[in-house]
Amino acid sequence: MYVRVTRKYQVTIPKRVRELLKIRIGDLMKVSVQDHKIILESVVKRTEDPVEDMLNLIKKPMDVDAVKLVEESWNED
């Protein structure tokens, strides 16, 4: 695969590579040089299921009444 360097010294990561590594807009990338090669590494590690990642942030189940929270937020104004 080849990419072109622009006037601002930017390159576009090919779509196939972005999809394979799950790179998204705004992701932080690490750039280094090894043996005259530019190494670009994704700092964010993603899994197949982002919902599962979010659910794993909470260690134990929470008892939350979502409807009540929404109704209470209406009364805050």
C-alpha atoms as a PDB file:
ATOM      1  CA  MET A   1       0.000   0.000   0.000  1.00  0.00           C
ATOM      2  CA  TYR A   2       1.258   3.486  -0.801  1.00  0.00           C
ATOM      3  CA  VAL A   3       0.225   6.906   0.512  1.00  0.00           C
ATOM      4  CA  ARG A   4       1.268  10.391  -0.619  1.00  0.00           C
ATOM      5  CA  VAL A   5       2.724  13.073   1.656  1.00  0.00           C
ATOM      6  CA  THR A   6       0.771  16.354   1.318  1.00  0.00           C
ATOM      7  CA  ARG A   7       2.098  19.937   1.394  1.00  0.00           C
ATOM      8  CA  LYS A   8       1.543  19.944   5.158  1.00  0.00           C
ATOM      9  CA  TYR A   9       3.489  16.663   5.514  1.00  0.00           C
ATOM     10  CA  GLN A  10       0.309  14.717   6.237  1.00  0.00           C
ATOM     11  CA  VAL A  11      -0.596  11.225   5.060  1.00  0.00           C
ATOM     12  CA  THR A  12      -3.956   9.452   4.996  1.00  0.00           C
ATOM     13  CA  ILE A  13      -4.215   6.078   6.684  1.00  0.00           C
ATOM     14  CA  PRO A  14      -5.857   3.790   4.117  1.00  0.00           C
ATOM     15  CA  LYS A  15      -9.431   2.723   4.899  1.00  0.00           C
ATOM     16  CA  ARG A  16      -8.521  -0.965   5.040  1.00  0.00           C
ATOM     17  CA  VAL A  17      -5.890  -0.254   7.715  1.00  0.00           C
ATOM     18  CA  ARG A  18      -8.219   2.062   9.701  1.00  0.00           C
ATOM     19  CA  GLU A  19     -10.924  -0.599   9.751  1.00  0.00           C
ATOM     20  CA  LEU A  20      -8.508  -3.383  10.677  1.00  0.00           C
ATOM     21  CA  LEU A  21      -7.084  -1.391  13.602  1.00  0.00           C
ATOM     22  CA  LYS A  22     -10.432   0.256  14.480  1.00  0.00           C
ATOM     23  CA  ILE A  23      -8.907   3.734  14.227  1.00  0.00           C
ATOM     24  CA  ARG A  24     -11.418   6.559  14.625  1.00  0.00           C
ATOM     25  CA  ILE A  25     -11.372  10.327  14.172  1.00  0.00           C
ATOM     26  CA  GLY A  26      -9.711  11.954  17.175  1.00  0.00           C
ATOM     27  CA  ASP A  27      -7.756   8.869  18.249  1.00  0.00           C
ATOM     28  CA  LEU A  28      -4.316   9.495  19.716  1.00  0.00           C
ATOM     29  CA  MET A  29      -1.476   7.899  17.761  1.00  0.00           C
ATOM     30  CA  LYS A  30       2.130   7.327  18.836  1.00  0.00           C
ATOM     31  CA  VAL A  31       4.813   8.101  16.222  1.00  0.00           C
ATOM     32  CA  SER A  32       8.360   6.775  16.480  1.00  0.00           C
ATOM     33  CA  VAL A  33      11.312   6.035  14.203  1.00  0.00           C
ATOM     34  CA  GLN A  34      13.085   2.670  14.100  1.00  0.00           C
ATOM     35  CA  ASP A  35      15.781   1.766  11.577  1.00  0.00           C
ATOM     36  CA  HIS A  36      14.768   4.625   9.214  1.00  0.00           C
ATOM     37  CA  LYS A  37      11.110   3.541   9.379  1.00  0.00           C
ATOM     38  CA  ILE A  38       8.198   5.614  10.663  1.00  0.00           C
ATOM     39  CA  ILE A  39       6.184   3.582  13.153  1.00  0.00           C
ATOM     40  CA  LEU A  40       2.604   4.744  13.783  1.00  0.00           C
ATOM     41  CA  GLU A  41       0.860   2.995  16.685  1.00  0.00           C
ATOM     42  CA  SER A  42      -2.700   3.323  17.879  1.00  0.00           C
ATOM     43  CA  VAL A  43      -2.781   4.212  21.581  1.00  0.00           C
ATOM     44  CA  VAL A  44      -6.426   3.135  22.005  1.00  0.00           C
ATOM     45  CA  LYS A  45      -7.111  -0.598  22.108  1.00  0.00           C
ATOM     46  CA  ARG A  46     -10.650  -1.440  21.047  1.00  0.00           C
ATOM     47  CA  THR A  47     -12.589  -4.666  21.311  1.00  0.00           C
ATOM     48  CA  GLU A  48     -15.233  -6.001  18.969  1.00  0.00           C
ATOM     49  CA  ASP A  49     -18.160  -4.872  21.146  1.00  0.00           C
ATOM     50  CA  PRO A  50     -18.056  -1.285  22.520  1.00  0.00           C
ATOM     51  CA  VAL A  51     -21.271  -1.883  24.489  1.00  0.00           C
ATOM     52  CA  GLU A  52     -19.574  -4.730  26.342  1.00  0.00           C
ATOM     53  CA  ASP A  53     -16.678  -2.376  27.149  1.00  0.00           C
ATOM     54  CA  MET A  54     -19.078   0.158  28.636  1.00  0.00           C
ATOM     55  CA  LEU A  55     -20.856  -2.484  30.710  1.00  0.00           C
ATOM     56  CA  ASN A  56     -17.516  -3.681  32.090  1.00  0.00           C
ATOM     57  CA  LEU A  57     -16.792  -0.196  33.504  1.00  0.00           C
ATOM     58  CA  ILE A  58     -19.235  -0.883  36.339  1.00  0.00           C
ATOM     59  CA  LYS A  59     -18.073  -3.595  38.710  1.00  0.00           C
ATOM     60  CA  LYS A  60     -21.494  -4.393  40.176  1.00  0.00           C
ATOM     61  CA  PRO A  61     -25.046  -3.874  38.877  1.00  0.00           C
ATOM     62  CA  MET A  62     -26.709  -0.571  39.743  1.00  0.00           C
ATOM     63  CA  ASP A  63     -30.361  -0.119  40.645  1.00  0.00           C
ATOM     64  CA  VAL A  64     -31.315   2.960  38.582  1.00  0.00           C
ATOM     65  CA  ASP A  65     -34.752   4.255  37.646  1.00  0.00           C
ATOM     66  CA  ALA A  66     -33.966   5.937  34.312  1.00  0.00           C
ATOM     67  CA  VAL A  67     -37.481   7.333  33.878  1.00  0.00           C
ATOM     68  CA  LYS A  68     -37.303   8.985  37.301  1.00  0.00           C
ATOM     69  CA  LEU A  69     -33.893  10.506  36.485  1.00  0.00           C
ATOM     70  CA  VAL A  70     -35.239  11.998  33.241  1.00  0.00           C
ATOM     71  CA  GLU A  71     -38.351  13.365  34.960  1.00  0.00           C
ATOM     72  CA  GLU A  72     -36.234  14.919  37.712  1.00  0.00           C
ATOM     73  CA  SER A  73     -33.974  16.565  35.138  1.00  0.00           C
ATOM     74  CA  TRP A  74     -37.036  18.304  33.650  1.00  0.00           C
ATOM     75  CA  ASN A  75     -37.703  19.928  37.015  1.00  0.00           C
ATOM     76  CA  GLU A  76     -34.166  21.353  37.329  1.00  0.00           C
ATOM     77  CA  ASP A  77     -34.908  24.320  35.016  1.00  0.00           C
END
